[in-house]
Amino acid sequence: MSKYFVGALLVLGACGDTTDATTSDSAATTDGTTPATTDGTTCAAEATTCADFCTDAMATCVGTYADQATCETDCAMWEVGCSGETGGNTLGCRVYHLGAAASDAATHCPHAGPDGGGVCI
């Protein structure tokens, strides 16, 4: 069994939603807890879906992901995270840096990438 398949199963099982493993519109992280900032306070969960993130990433950060499907597979394994967070291995962090990449792609595209570019890790 591939690590991506196992990761997708973990996301599905933890969220209790078997309809779409790439949707991150719930206030819970993949382990069922409410997202929190690094100081432990709760936050608004990132509302962007993996499909939307990947569509934007493919257009803004050309070459960061091989294709839409690969991006969505990677994305399904990240925690949802907080909207606007600037660090952590989360979709929220990557969405923030993808937005920043619109004006500084060289700096921020690696952070929106699959390995987080040393920031979204």
PDB file of N, CA and C in Angstrom:
ATOM      1  N   MET A   1       0.853  -1.164   0.000  1.00  0.00           N
ATOM      2  CA  MET A   1       0.000   0.000   0.000  1.00  0.00           C
ATOM      3  C   MET A   1       0.904   1.235   0.000  1.00  0.00           C
ATOM      4  N   SER A   2       0.642   2.201  -0.879  1.00  0.00           N
ATOM      5  CA  SER A   2       1.500   3.381  -0.982  1.00  0.00           C
ATOM      6  C   SER A   2       1.298   4.299   0.210  1.00  0.00           C
ATOM      7  N   LYS A   3       2.308   5.141   0.474  1.00  0.00           N
ATOM      8  CA  LYS A   3       2.193   6.088   1.591  1.00  0.00           C
ATOM      9  C   LYS A   3       1.099   7.107   1.308  1.00  0.00           C
ATOM     10  N   TYR A   4       0.834   7.423   0.029  1.00  0.00           N
ATOM     11  CA  TYR A   4      -0.227   8.379  -0.295  1.00  0.00           C
ATOM     12  C   TYR A   4      -1.598   7.788   0.002  1.00  0.00           C
ATOM     13  N   PHE A   5      -1.759   6.494  -0.325  1.00  0.00           N
ATOM     14  CA  PHE A   5      -3.025   5.847  -0.045  1.00  0.00           C
ATOM     15  C   PHE A   5      -3.255   5.767   1.453  1.00  0.00           C
ATOM     16  N   VAL A   6      -2.245   5.406   2.202  1.00  0.00           N
ATOM     17  CA  VAL A   6      -2.357   5.337   3.659  1.00  0.00           C
ATOM     18  C   VAL A   6      -2.665   6.714   4.216  1.00  0.00           C
ATOM     19  N   GLY A   7      -1.965   7.745   3.704  1.00  0.00           N
ATOM     20  CA  GLY A   7      -2.215   9.110   4.164  1.00  0.00           C
ATOM     21  C   GLY A   7      -3.644   9.536   3.891  1.00  0.00           C
ATOM     22  N   ALA A   8      -4.163   9.189   2.719  1.00  0.00           N
ATOM     23  CA  ALA A   8      -5.536   9.541   2.383  1.00  0.00           C
ATOM     24  C   ALA A   8      -6.510   8.828   3.308  1.00  0.00           C
ATOM     25  N   LEU A   9      -6.226   7.566   3.626  1.00  0.00           N
ATOM     26  CA  LEU A   9      -7.084   6.837   4.552  1.00  0.00           C
ATOM     27  C   LEU A   9      -7.062   7.478   5.928  1.00  0.00           C
ATOM     28  N   LEU A  10      -5.903   7.924   6.365  1.00  0.00           N
ATOM     29  CA  LEU A  10      -5.811   8.580   7.667  1.00  0.00           C
ATOM     30  C   LEU A  10      -6.626   9.858   7.680  1.00  0.00           C
ATOM     31  N   VAL A  11      -6.560  10.618   6.608  1.00  0.00           N
ATOM     32  CA  VAL A  11      -7.334  11.847   6.521  1.00  0.00           C
ATOM     33  C   VAL A  11      -8.818  11.530   6.560  1.00  0.00           C
ATOM     34  N   LEU A  12      -9.236  10.536   5.778  1.00  0.00           N
ATOM     35  CA  LEU A  12     -10.646  10.173   5.754  1.00  0.00           C
ATOM     36  C   LEU A  12     -11.116   9.679   7.106  1.00  0.00           C
ATOM     37  N   GLY A  13     -10.349   8.821   7.721  1.00  0.00           N
ATOM     38  CA  GLY A  13     -10.753   8.267   9.003  1.00  0.00           C
ATOM     39  C   GLY A  13     -10.787   9.305  10.098  1.00  0.00           C
ATOM     40  N   ALA A  14      -9.829  10.204  10.112  1.00  0.00           N
ATOM     41  CA  ALA A  14      -9.761  11.202  11.168  1.00  0.00           C
ATOM     42  C   ALA A  14     -10.850  12.244  11.022  1.00  0.00           C
ATOM     43  N   CYS A  15     -11.212  12.590   9.809  1.00  0.00           N
ATOM     44  CA  CYS A  15     -12.217  13.616   9.597  1.00  0.00           C
ATOM     45  C   CYS A  15     -13.628  13.061   9.674  1.00  0.00           C
ATOM     46  N   GLY A  16     -13.757  11.768   9.483  1.00  0.00           N
ATOM     47  CA  GLY A  16     -15.080  11.177   9.501  1.00  0.00           C
ATOM     48  C   GLY A  16     -15.886  11.518   8.255  1.00  0.00           C
ATOM     49  N   ASP A  17     -15.236  12.021   7.226  1.00  0.00           N
ATOM     50  CA  ASP A  17     -15.910  12.405   5.995  1.00  0.00           C
ATOM     51  C   ASP A  17     -15.312  11.607   4.850  1.00  0.00           C
ATOM     52  N   THR A  18     -16.106  10.755   4.260  1.00  0.00           N
ATOM     53  CA  THR A  18     -15.597   9.944   3.163  1.00  0.00           C
ATOM     54  C   THR A  18     -15.988  10.504   1.813  1.00  0.00           C
ATOM     55  N   THR A  19     -16.530  11.729   1.769  1.00  0.00           N
ATOM     56  CA  THR A  19     -16.977  12.273   0.499  1.00  0.00           C
ATOM     57  C   THR A  19     -15.857  12.928  -0.286  1.00  0.00           C
ATOM     58  N   ASP A  20     -14.898  13.590   0.371  1.00  0.00           N
ATOM     59  CA  ASP A  20     -13.848  14.286  -0.365  1.00  0.00           C
ATOM     60  C   ASP A  20     -12.670  14.553   0.557  1.00  0.00           C
ATOM     61  N   ALA A  21     -11.638  13.758   0.434  1.00  0.00           N
ATOM     62  CA  ALA A  21     -10.475  13.875   1.314  1.00  0.00           C
ATOM     63  C   ALA A  21      -9.707  15.161   1.081  1.00  0.00           C
ATOM     64  N   THR A  22      -9.942  15.855  -0.017  1.00  0.00           N
ATOM     65  CA  THR A  22      -9.187  17.066  -0.288  1.00  0.00           C
ATOM     66  C   THR A  22      -9.912  18.323   0.159  1.00  0.00           C
ATOM     67  N   THR A  23     -11.088  18.214   0.717  1.00  0.00           N
ATOM     68  CA  THR A  23     -11.811  19.389   1.164  1.00  0.00           C
ATOM     69  C   THR A  23     -11.384  19.747   2.571  1.00  0.00           C
ATOM     70  N   SER A  24     -11.042  21.003   2.758  1.00  0.00           N
ATOM     71  CA  SER A  24     -10.603  21.440   4.074  1.00  0.00           C
ATOM     72  C   SER A  24     -11.506  22.557   4.569  1.00  0.00           C
ATOM     73  N   ASP A  25     -12.815  22.282   4.611  1.00  0.00           N
ATOM     74  CA  ASP A  25     -13.745  23.306   5.031  1.00  0.00           C
ATOM     75  C   ASP A  25     -14.261  23.073   6.447  1.00  0.00           C
ATOM     76  N   SER A  26     -13.687  22.149   7.146  1.00  0.00           N
ATOM     77  CA  SER A  26     -14.091  21.866   8.507  1.00  0.00           C
ATOM     78  C   SER A  26     -13.191  22.615   9.469  1.00  0.00           C
ATOM     79  N   ALA A  27     -13.676  22.847  10.670  1.00  0.00           N
ATOM     80  CA  ALA A  27     -12.876  23.532  11.674  1.00  0.00           C
ATOM     81  C   ALA A  27     -11.922  22.578  12.372  1.00  0.00           C
ATOM     82  N   ALA A  28     -11.956  21.309  12.028  1.00  0.00           N
ATOM     83  CA  ALA A  28     -11.093  20.329  12.686  1.00  0.00           C
ATOM     84  C   ALA A  28      -9.888  19.995  11.826  1.00  0.00           C
ATOM     85  N   THR A  29      -8.790  19.675  12.485  1.00  0.00           N
ATOM     86  CA  THR A  29      -7.611  19.196  11.778  1.00  0.00           C
ATOM     87  C   THR A  29      -7.819  17.721  11.470  1.00  0.00           C
ATOM     88  N   THR A  30      -6.874  17.114  10.779  1.00  0.00           N
ATOM     89  CA  THR A  30      -7.050  15.706  10.423  1.00  0.00           C
ATOM     90  C   THR A  30      -7.042  14.785  11.632  1.00  0.00           C
ATOM     91  N   ASP A  31      -6.553  15.257  12.771  1.00  0.00           N
ATOM     92  CA  ASP A  31      -6.621  14.404  13.961  1.00  0.00           C
ATOM     93  C   ASP A  31      -7.873  14.687  14.791  1.00  0.00           C
ATOM     94  N   GLY A  32      -8.797  15.515  14.234  1.00  0.00           N
ATOM     95  CA  GLY A  32     -10.067  15.766  14.891  1.00  0.00           C
ATOM     96  C   GLY A  32     -10.053  16.914  15.889  1.00  0.00           C
ATOM     97  N   THR A  33      -8.928  17.567  16.073  1.00  0.00           N
ATOM     98  CA  THR A  33      -8.860  18.669  17.013  1.00  0.00           C
ATOM     99  C   THR A  33      -9.107  19.996  16.294  1.00  0.00           C
ATOM    100  N   THR A  34      -9.367  21.039  17.060  1.00  0.00           N
ATOM    101  CA  THR A  34      -9.526  22.368  16.489  1.00  0.00           C
ATOM    102  C   THR A  34      -8.148  22.930  16.214  1.00  0.00           C
ATOM    103  N   PRO A  35      -7.940  23.565  15.053  1.00  0.00           N
ATOM    104  CA  PRO A  35      -6.618  24.113  14.759  1.00  0.00           C
ATOM    105  C   PRO A  35      -6.209  25.141  15.806  1.00  0.00           C
ATOM    106  N   ALA A  36      -4.928  25.223  16.037  1.00  0.00           N
ATOM    107  CA  ALA A  36      -4.415  26.170  17.016  1.00  0.00           C
ATOM    108  C   ALA A  36      -3.139  26.811  16.494  1.00  0.00           C
ATOM    109  N   THR A  37      -2.879  28.004  16.966  1.00  0.00           N
ATOM    110  CA  THR A  37      -1.645  28.682  16.619  1.00  0.00           C
ATOM    111  C   THR A  37      -0.520  28.092  17.452  1.00  0.00           C
ATOM    112  N   THR A  38       0.700  28.522  17.199  1.00  0.00           N
ATOM    113  CA  THR A  38       1.826  27.969  17.947  1.00  0.00           C
ATOM    114  C   THR A  38       1.763  28.294  19.430  1.00  0.00           C
ATOM    115  N   ASP A  39       1.025  29.344  19.809  1.00  0.00           N
ATOM    116  CA  ASP A  39       0.906  29.646  21.241  1.00  0.00           C
ATOM    117  C   ASP A  39      -0.263  28.916  21.890  1.00  0.00           C
ATOM    118  N   GLY A  40      -0.936  28.051  21.124  1.00  0.00           N
ATOM    119  CA  GLY A  40      -1.987  27.207  21.678  1.00  0.00           C
ATOM    120  C   GLY A  40      -3.390  27.774  21.559  1.00  0.00           C
ATOM    121  N   THR A  41      -3.558  28.994  21.078  1.00  0.00           N
ATOM    122  CA  THR A  41      -4.893  29.549  20.923  1.00  0.00           C
ATOM    123  C   THR A  41      -5.535  28.980  19.658  1.00  0.00           C
ATOM    124  N   THR A  42      -6.854  28.838  19.698  1.00  0.00           N
ATOM    125  CA  THR A  42      -7.537  28.298  18.528  1.00  0.00           C
ATOM    126  C   THR A  42      -7.627  29.362  17.437  1.00  0.00           C
ATOM    127  N   CYS A  43      -7.880  28.911  16.226  1.00  0.00           N
ATOM    128  CA  CYS A  43      -7.914  29.818  15.086  1.00  0.00           C
ATOM    129  C   CYS A  43      -8.957  29.355  14.086  1.00  0.00           C
ATOM    130  N   ALA A  44      -9.169  30.201  13.081  1.00  0.00           N
ATOM    131  CA  ALA A  44     -10.074  29.827  11.994  1.00  0.00           C
ATOM    132  C   ALA A  44      -9.348  28.849  11.076  1.00  0.00           C
ATOM    133  N   ALA A  45      -9.963  27.720  10.817  1.00  0.00           N
ATOM    134  CA  ALA A  45      -9.355  26.725   9.934  1.00  0.00           C
ATOM    135  C   ALA A  45      -9.279  27.268   8.520  1.00  0.00           C
ATOM    136  N   GLU A  46      -8.236  26.869   7.821  1.00  0.00           N
ATOM    137  CA  GLU A  46      -8.093  27.240   6.409  1.00  0.00           C
ATOM    138  C   GLU A  46      -9.295  26.687   5.650  1.00  0.00           C
ATOM    139  N   ALA A  47      -9.928  27.512   4.838  1.00  0.00           N
ATOM    140  CA  ALA A  47     -11.142  27.104   4.133  1.00  0.00           C
ATOM    141  C   ALA A  47     -10.896  26.723   2.676  1.00  0.00           C
ATOM    142  N   THR A  48      -9.698  26.952   2.166  1.00  0.00           N
ATOM    143  CA  THR A  48      -9.387  26.623   0.781  1.00  0.00           C
ATOM    144  C   THR A  48      -9.340  25.113   0.596  1.00  0.00           C
ATOM    145  N   THR A  49      -9.912  24.631  -0.487  1.00  0.00           N
ATOM    146  CA  THR A  49      -9.840  23.197  -0.781  1.00  0.00           C
ATOM    147  C   THR A  49      -8.506  22.889  -1.452  1.00  0.00           C
ATOM    148  N   CYS A  50      -8.113  21.644  -1.402  1.00  0.00           N
ATOM    149  CA  CYS A  50      -6.894  21.226  -2.098  1.00  0.00           C
ATOM    150  C   CYS A  50      -7.020  21.451  -3.597  1.00  0.00           C
ATOM    151  N   ALA A  51      -8.193  21.204  -4.157  1.00  0.00           N
ATOM    152  CA  ALA A  51      -8.388  21.417  -5.596  1.00  0.00           C
ATOM    153  C   ALA A  51      -8.148  22.880  -5.952  1.00  0.00           C
ATOM    154  N   ASP A  52      -8.700  23.791  -5.162  1.00  0.00           N
ATOM    155  CA  ASP A  52      -8.511  25.220  -5.438  1.00  0.00           C
ATOM    156  C   ASP A  52      -7.063  25.643  -5.225  1.00  0.00           C
ATOM    157  N   PHE A  53      -6.462  25.172  -4.130  1.00  0.00           N
ATOM    158  CA  PHE A  53      -5.064  25.491  -3.878  1.00  0.00           C
ATOM    159  C   PHE A  53      -4.196  25.030  -5.040  1.00  0.00           C
ATOM    160  N   CYS A  54      -4.408  23.811  -5.483  1.00  0.00           N
ATOM    161  CA  CYS A  54      -3.559  23.245  -6.534  1.00  0.00           C
ATOM    162  C   CYS A  54      -3.766  23.944  -7.869  1.00  0.00           C
ATOM    163  N   THR A  55      -4.980  24.312  -8.183  1.00  0.00           N
ATOM    164  CA  THR A  55      -5.229  25.077  -9.405  1.00  0.00           C
ATOM    165  C   THR A  55      -4.440  26.382  -9.371  1.00  0.00           C
ATOM    166  N   ASP A  56      -4.501  27.077  -8.237  1.00  0.00           N
ATOM    167  CA  ASP A  56      -3.770  28.339  -8.090  1.00  0.00           C
ATOM    168  C   ASP A  56      -2.255  28.106  -8.096  1.00  0.00           C
ATOM    169  N   ALA A  57      -1.807  27.058  -7.421  1.00  0.00           N
ATOM    170  CA  ALA A  57      -0.369  26.759  -7.358  1.00  0.00           C
ATOM    171  C   ALA A  57       0.175  26.431  -8.745  1.00  0.00           C
ATOM    172  N   MET A  58      -0.582  25.702  -9.541  1.00  0.00           N
ATOM    173  CA  MET A  58      -0.129  25.345 -10.887  1.00  0.00           C
ATOM    174  C   MET A  58       0.019  26.593 -11.760  1.00  0.00           C
ATOM    175  N   ALA A  59      -0.819  27.609 -11.526  1.00  0.00           N
ATOM    176  CA  ALA A  59      -0.765  28.840 -12.312  1.00  0.00           C
ATOM    177  C   ALA A  59       0.281  29.819 -11.784  1.00  0.00           C
ATOM    178  N   THR A  60       0.410  29.912 -10.466  1.00  0.00           N
ATOM    179  CA  THR A  60       1.298  30.908  -9.854  1.00  0.00           C
ATOM    180  C   THR A  60       2.731  30.409  -9.734  1.00  0.00           C
ATOM    181  N   CYS A  61       2.891  29.163  -9.358  1.00  0.00           N
ATOM    182  CA  CYS A  61       4.218  28.595  -9.099  1.00  0.00           C
ATOM    183  C   CYS A  61       4.488  27.464 -10.093  1.00  0.00           C
ATOM    184  N   VAL A  62       4.575  27.816 -11.340  1.00  0.00           N
ATOM    185  CA  VAL A  62       4.759  26.853 -12.425  1.00  0.00           C
ATOM    186  C   VAL A  62       5.990  25.985 -12.144  1.00  0.00           C
ATOM    187  N   GLY A  63       5.794  24.672 -12.219  1.00  0.00           N
ATOM    188  CA  GLY A  63       6.879  23.723 -12.018  1.00  0.00           C
ATOM    189  C   GLY A  63       7.045  23.249 -10.584  1.00  0.00           C
ATOM    190  N   THR A  64       6.323  23.858  -9.644  1.00  0.00           N
ATOM    191  CA  THR A  64       6.434  23.449  -8.239  1.00  0.00           C
ATOM    192  C   THR A  64       5.844  22.052  -8.040  1.00  0.00           C
ATOM    193  N   TYR A  65       4.760  21.761  -8.732  1.00  0.00           N
ATOM    194  CA  TYR A  65       4.121  20.441  -8.691  1.00  0.00           C
ATOM    195  C   TYR A  65       4.117  19.875 -10.107  1.00  0.00           C
ATOM    196  N   ALA A  66       4.256  18.574 -10.235  1.00  0.00           N
ATOM    197  CA  ALA A  66       4.279  17.933 -11.551  1.00  0.00           C
ATOM    198  C   ALA A  66       2.971  18.142 -12.297  1.00  0.00           C
ATOM    199  N   ASP A  67       1.861  18.013 -11.568  1.00  0.00           N
ATOM    200  CA  ASP A  67       0.545  18.178 -12.170  1.00  0.00           C
ATOM    201  C   ASP A  67      -0.488  18.336 -11.062  1.00  0.00           C
ATOM    202  N   GLN A  68      -1.715  18.630 -11.444  1.00  0.00           N
ATOM    203  CA  GLN A  68      -2.808  18.860 -10.496  1.00  0.00           C
ATOM    204  C   GLN A  68      -3.015  17.655  -9.578  1.00  0.00           C
ATOM    205  N   ALA A  69      -3.024  16.465 -10.146  1.00  0.00           N
ATOM    206  CA  ALA A  69      -3.281  15.253  -9.353  1.00  0.00           C
ATOM    207  C   ALA A  69      -2.192  15.032  -8.301  1.00  0.00           C
ATOM    208  N   THR A  70      -0.947  15.243  -8.663  1.00  0.00           N
ATOM    209  CA  THR A  70       0.155  15.079  -7.708  1.00  0.00           C
ATOM    210  C   THR A  70       0.024  16.092  -6.584  1.00  0.00           C
ATOM    211  N   CYS A  71      -0.293  17.321  -6.936  1.00  0.00           N
ATOM    212  CA  CYS A  71      -0.480  18.365  -5.936  1.00  0.00           C
ATOM    213  C   CYS A  71      -1.601  17.988  -4.963  1.00  0.00           C
ATOM    214  N   GLU A  72      -2.733  17.545  -5.504  1.00  0.00           N
ATOM    215  CA  GLU A  72      -3.867  17.191  -4.644  1.00  0.00           C
ATOM    216  C   GLU A  72      -3.553  15.996  -3.751  1.00  0.00           C
ATOM    217  N   THR A  73      -2.773  15.047  -4.245  1.00  0.00           N
ATOM    218  CA  THR A  73      -2.356  13.906  -3.422  1.00  0.00           C
ATOM    219  C   THR A  73      -1.481  14.384  -2.270  1.00  0.00           C
ATOM    220  N   ASP A  74      -0.516  15.256  -2.565  1.00  0.00           N
ATOM    221  CA  ASP A  74       0.335  15.821  -1.507  1.00  0.00           C
ATOM    222  C   ASP A  74      -0.513  16.592  -0.502  1.00  0.00           C
ATOM    223  N   CYS A  75      -1.381  17.438  -1.006  1.00  0.00           N
ATOM    224  CA  CYS A  75      -2.209  18.301  -0.165  1.00  0.00           C
ATOM    225  C   CYS A  75      -3.090  17.503   0.803  1.00  0.00           C
ATOM    226  N   ALA A  76      -3.602  16.385   0.354  1.00  0.00           N
ATOM    227  CA  ALA A  76      -4.479  15.568   1.190  1.00  0.00           C
ATOM    228  C   ALA A  76      -3.769  15.059   2.450  1.00  0.00           C
ATOM    229  N   MET A  77      -2.443  15.094   2.455  1.00  0.00           N
ATOM    230  CA  MET A  77      -1.691  14.581   3.595  1.00  0.00           C
ATOM    231  C   MET A  77      -1.340  15.668   4.610  1.00  0.00           C
ATOM    232  N   TRP A  78      -1.570  16.943   4.290  1.00  0.00           N
ATOM    233  CA  TRP A  78      -1.247  18.020   5.216  1.00  0.00           C
ATOM    234  C   TRP A  78      -2.399  18.272   6.169  1.00  0.00           C
ATOM    235  N   GLU A  79      -2.085  18.752   7.353  1.00  0.00           N
ATOM    236  CA  GLU A  79      -3.115  19.245   8.262  1.00  0.00           C
ATOM    237  C   GLU A  79      -3.790  20.434   7.598  1.00  0.00           C
ATOM    238  N   VAL A  80      -5.008  20.720   7.963  1.00  0.00           N
ATOM    239  CA  VAL A  80      -5.720  21.883   7.445  1.00  0.00           C
ATOM    240  C   VAL A  80      -5.009  23.151   7.909  1.00  0.00           C
ATOM    241  N   GLY A  81      -4.755  23.242   9.184  1.00  0.00           N
ATOM    242  CA  GLY A  81      -4.067  24.405   9.737  1.00  0.00           C
ATOM    243  C   GLY A  81      -4.949  25.637   9.815  1.00  0.00           C
ATOM    244  N   CYS A  82      -4.313  26.718  10.203  1.00  0.00           N
ATOM    245  CA  CYS A  82      -4.999  27.985  10.412  1.00  0.00           C
ATOM    246  C   CYS A  82      -4.925  28.856   9.170  1.00  0.00           C
ATOM    247  N   SER A  83      -5.985  29.568   8.917  1.00  0.00           N
ATOM    248  CA  SER A  83      -5.985  30.526   7.821  1.00  0.00           C
ATOM    249  C   SER A  83      -4.970  31.623   8.138  1.00  0.00           C
ATOM    250  N   GLY A  84      -4.083  31.904   7.197  1.00  0.00           N
ATOM    251  CA  GLY A  84      -3.107  32.972   7.368  1.00  0.00           C
ATOM    252  C   GLY A  84      -1.853  32.612   8.131  1.00  0.00           C
ATOM    253  N   GLU A  85      -1.695  31.347   8.525  1.00  0.00           N
ATOM    254  CA  GLU A  85      -0.476  31.007   9.257  1.00  0.00           C
ATOM    255  C   GLU A  85       0.728  31.013   8.328  1.00  0.00           C
ATOM    256  N   THR A  86       1.867  31.378   8.854  1.00  0.00           N
ATOM    257  CA  THR A  86       3.067  31.547   8.033  1.00  0.00           C
ATOM    258  C   THR A  86       4.082  30.432   8.201  1.00  0.00           C
ATOM    259  N   GLY A  87       3.826  29.480   9.059  1.00  0.00           N
ATOM    260  CA  GLY A  87       4.711  28.346   9.267  1.00  0.00           C
ATOM    261  C   GLY A  87       3.906  27.122   9.652  1.00  0.00           C
ATOM    262  N   GLY A  88       4.510  25.953   9.539  1.00  0.00           N
ATOM    263  CA  GLY A  88       3.856  24.699   9.890  1.00  0.00           C
ATOM    264  C   GLY A  88       3.512  23.900   8.650  1.00  0.00           C
ATOM    265  N   ASN A  89       3.503  22.589   8.767  1.00  0.00           N
ATOM    266  CA  ASN A  89       3.245  21.696   7.632  1.00  0.00           C
ATOM    267  C   ASN A  89       1.742  21.590   7.387  1.00  0.00           C
ATOM    268  N   THR A  90       1.155  22.705   6.934  1.00  0.00           N
ATOM    269  CA  THR A  90      -0.291  22.783   6.777  1.00  0.00           C
ATOM    270  C   THR A  90      -0.685  23.396   5.439  1.00  0.00           C
ATOM    271  N   LEU A  91      -1.925  23.169   5.081  1.00  0.00           N
ATOM    272  CA  LEU A  91      -2.490  23.826   3.919  1.00  0.00           C
ATOM    273  C   LEU A  91      -2.559  25.330   4.173  1.00  0.00           C
ATOM    274  N   GLY A  92      -2.914  25.736   5.374  1.00  0.00           N
ATOM    275  CA  GLY A  92      -2.998  27.163   5.705  1.00  0.00           C
ATOM    276  C   GLY A  92      -1.697  27.890   5.439  1.00  0.00           C
ATOM    277  N   CYS A  93      -0.586  27.305   5.805  1.00  0.00           N
ATOM    278  CA  CYS A  93       0.720  27.904   5.562  1.00  0.00           C
ATOM    279  C   CYS A  93       0.984  28.016   4.066  1.00  0.00           C
ATOM    280  N   ARG A  94       0.700  26.968   3.342  1.00  0.00           N
ATOM    281  CA  ARG A  94       0.960  26.982   1.900  1.00  0.00           C
ATOM    282  C   ARG A  94       0.053  27.970   1.170  1.00  0.00           C
ATOM    283  N   VAL A  95      -1.190  28.100   1.618  1.00  0.00           N
ATOM    284  CA  VAL A  95      -2.099  29.083   1.013  1.00  0.00           C
ATOM    285  C   VAL A  95      -1.563  30.496   1.250  1.00  0.00           C
ATOM    286  N   TYR A  96      -1.093  30.762   2.463  1.00  0.00           N
ATOM    287  CA  TYR A  96      -0.521  32.080   2.753  1.00  0.00           C
ATOM    288  C   TYR A  96       0.652  32.374   1.812  1.00  0.00           C
ATOM    289  N   HIS A  97       1.576  31.444   1.711  1.00  0.00           N
ATOM    290  CA  HIS A  97       2.772  31.669   0.888  1.00  0.00           C
ATOM    291  C   HIS A  97       2.450  31.675  -0.601  1.00  0.00           C
ATOM    292  N   LEU A  98       1.425  30.955  -1.017  1.00  0.00           N
ATOM    293  CA  LEU A  98       1.007  31.022  -2.412  1.00  0.00           C
ATOM    294  C   LEU A  98       0.493  32.425  -2.729  1.00  0.00           C
ATOM    295  N   GLY A  99      -0.230  33.021  -1.807  1.00  0.00           N
ATOM    296  CA  GLY A  99      -0.685  34.399  -1.989  1.00  0.00           C
ATOM    297  C   GLY A  99       0.486  35.362  -2.070  1.00  0.00           C
ATOM    298  N   ALA A 100       1.480  35.172  -1.209  1.00  0.00           N
ATOM    299  CA  ALA A 100       2.673  36.024  -1.219  1.00  0.00           C
ATOM    300  C   ALA A 100       3.491  35.810  -2.486  1.00  0.00           C
ATOM    301  N   ALA A 101       3.391  34.626  -3.083  1.00  0.00           N
ATOM    302  CA  ALA A 101       4.144  34.323  -4.302  1.00  0.00           C
ATOM    303  C   ALA A 101       3.671  35.151  -5.488  1.00  0.00           C
ATOM    304  N   ALA A 102       2.475  35.687  -5.423  1.00  0.00           N
ATOM    305  CA  ALA A 102       1.984  36.521  -6.517  1.00  0.00           C
ATOM    306  C   ALA A 102       2.884  37.729  -6.742  1.00  0.00           C
ATOM    307  N   SER A 103       3.520  38.222  -5.668  1.00  0.00           N
ATOM    308  CA  SER A 103       4.420  39.371  -5.815  1.00  0.00           C
ATOM    309  C   SER A 103       5.892  39.006  -5.647  1.00  0.00           C
ATOM    310  N   ASP A 104       6.187  37.801  -5.144  1.00  0.00           N
ATOM    311  CA  ASP A 104       7.576  37.371  -4.968  1.00  0.00           C
ATOM    312  C   ASP A 104       7.658  35.844  -5.087  1.00  0.00           C
ATOM    313  N   ALA A 105       7.514  35.369  -6.323  1.00  0.00           N
ATOM    314  CA  ALA A 105       7.475  33.928  -6.568  1.00  0.00           C
ATOM    315  C   ALA A 105       8.766  33.229  -6.170  1.00  0.00           C
ATOM    316  N   ALA A 106       9.892  33.851  -6.417  1.00  0.00           N
ATOM    317  CA  ALA A 106      11.178  33.202  -6.124  1.00  0.00           C
ATOM    318  C   ALA A 106      11.308  32.868  -4.643  1.00  0.00           C
ATOM    319  N   THR A 107      10.810  33.734  -3.794  1.00  0.00           N
ATOM    320  CA  THR A 107      10.889  33.501  -2.347  1.00  0.00           C
ATOM    321  C   THR A 107       9.805  32.555  -1.872  1.00  0.00           C
ATOM    322  N   HIS A 108       8.559  32.770  -2.301  1.00  0.00           N
ATOM    323  CA  HIS A 108       7.430  32.097  -1.666  1.00  0.00           C
ATOM    324  C   HIS A 108       6.947  30.816  -2.338  1.00  0.00           C
ATOM    325  N   CYS A 109       7.219  30.605  -3.617  1.00  0.00           N
ATOM    326  CA  CYS A 109       6.775  29.354  -4.256  1.00  0.00           C
ATOM    327  C   CYS A 109       7.356  28.113  -3.573  1.00  0.00           C
ATOM    328  N   PRO A 110       8.625  28.114  -3.182  1.00  0.00           N
ATOM    329  CA  PRO A 110       9.124  26.923  -2.471  1.00  0.00           C
ATOM    330  C   PRO A 110       8.352  26.641  -1.171  1.00  0.00           C
ATOM    331  N   HIS A 111       7.896  27.674  -0.490  1.00  0.00           N
ATOM    332  CA  HIS A 111       7.144  27.488   0.759  1.00  0.00           C
ATOM    333  C   HIS A 111       5.767  26.891   0.494  1.00  0.00           C
ATOM    334  N   ALA A 112       5.213  27.173  -0.694  1.00  0.00           N
ATOM    335  CA  ALA A 112       3.913  26.622  -1.079  1.00  0.00           C
ATOM    336  C   ALA A 112       4.054  25.232  -1.694  1.00  0.00           C
ATOM    337  N   GLY A 113       5.275  24.779  -1.866  1.00  0.00           N
ATOM    338  CA  GLY A 113       5.540  23.507  -2.522  1.00  0.00           C
ATOM    339  C   GLY A 113       5.354  22.296  -1.624  1.00  0.00           C
ATOM    340  N   PRO A 114       5.546  21.119  -2.192  1.00  0.00           N
ATOM    341  CA  PRO A 114       5.271  19.873  -1.464  1.00  0.00           C
ATOM    342  C   PRO A 114       6.117  19.676  -0.214  1.00  0.00           C
ATOM    343  N   ASP A 115       7.367  20.160  -0.202  1.00  0.00           N
ATOM    344  CA  ASP A 115       8.194  19.975   1.000  1.00  0.00           C
ATOM    345  C   ASP A 115       8.205  21.215   1.889  1.00  0.00           C
ATOM    346  N   GLY A 116       7.476  22.243   1.521  1.00  0.00           N
ATOM    347  CA  GLY A 116       7.339  23.426   2.358  1.00  0.00           C
ATOM    348  C   GLY A 116       8.503  24.384   2.317  1.00  0.00           C
ATOM    349  N   GLY A 117       9.515  24.082   1.535  1.00  0.00           N
ATOM    350  CA  GLY A 117      10.646  24.993   1.364  1.00  0.00           C
ATOM    351  C   GLY A 117      11.309  25.450   2.648  1.00  0.00           C
ATOM    352  N   GLY A 118      11.326  24.599   3.661  1.00  0.00           N
ATOM    353  CA  GLY A 118      11.958  24.948   4.921  1.00  0.00           C
ATOM    354  C   GLY A 118      11.112  25.835   5.819  1.00  0.00           C
ATOM    355  N   VAL A 119       9.912  26.211   5.366  1.00  0.00           N
ATOM    356  CA  VAL A 119       9.035  27.089   6.149  1.00  0.00           C
ATOM    357  C   VAL A 119       7.738  26.372   6.518  1.00  0.00           C
ATOM    358  N   CYS A 120       7.051  25.829   5.542  1.00  0.00           N
ATOM    359  CA  CYS A 120       5.797  25.116   5.791  1.00  0.00           C
ATOM    360  C   CYS A 120       6.112  23.638   6.031  1.00  0.00           C
ATOM    361  N   ILE A 121       6.797  23.397   7.144  1.00  0.00           N
ATOM    362  CA  ILE A 121       7.226  22.041   7.497  1.00  0.00           C
ATOM    363  C   ILE A 121       6.788  21.693   8.900  1.00  0.00           C
TER     364      ILE A 121
END
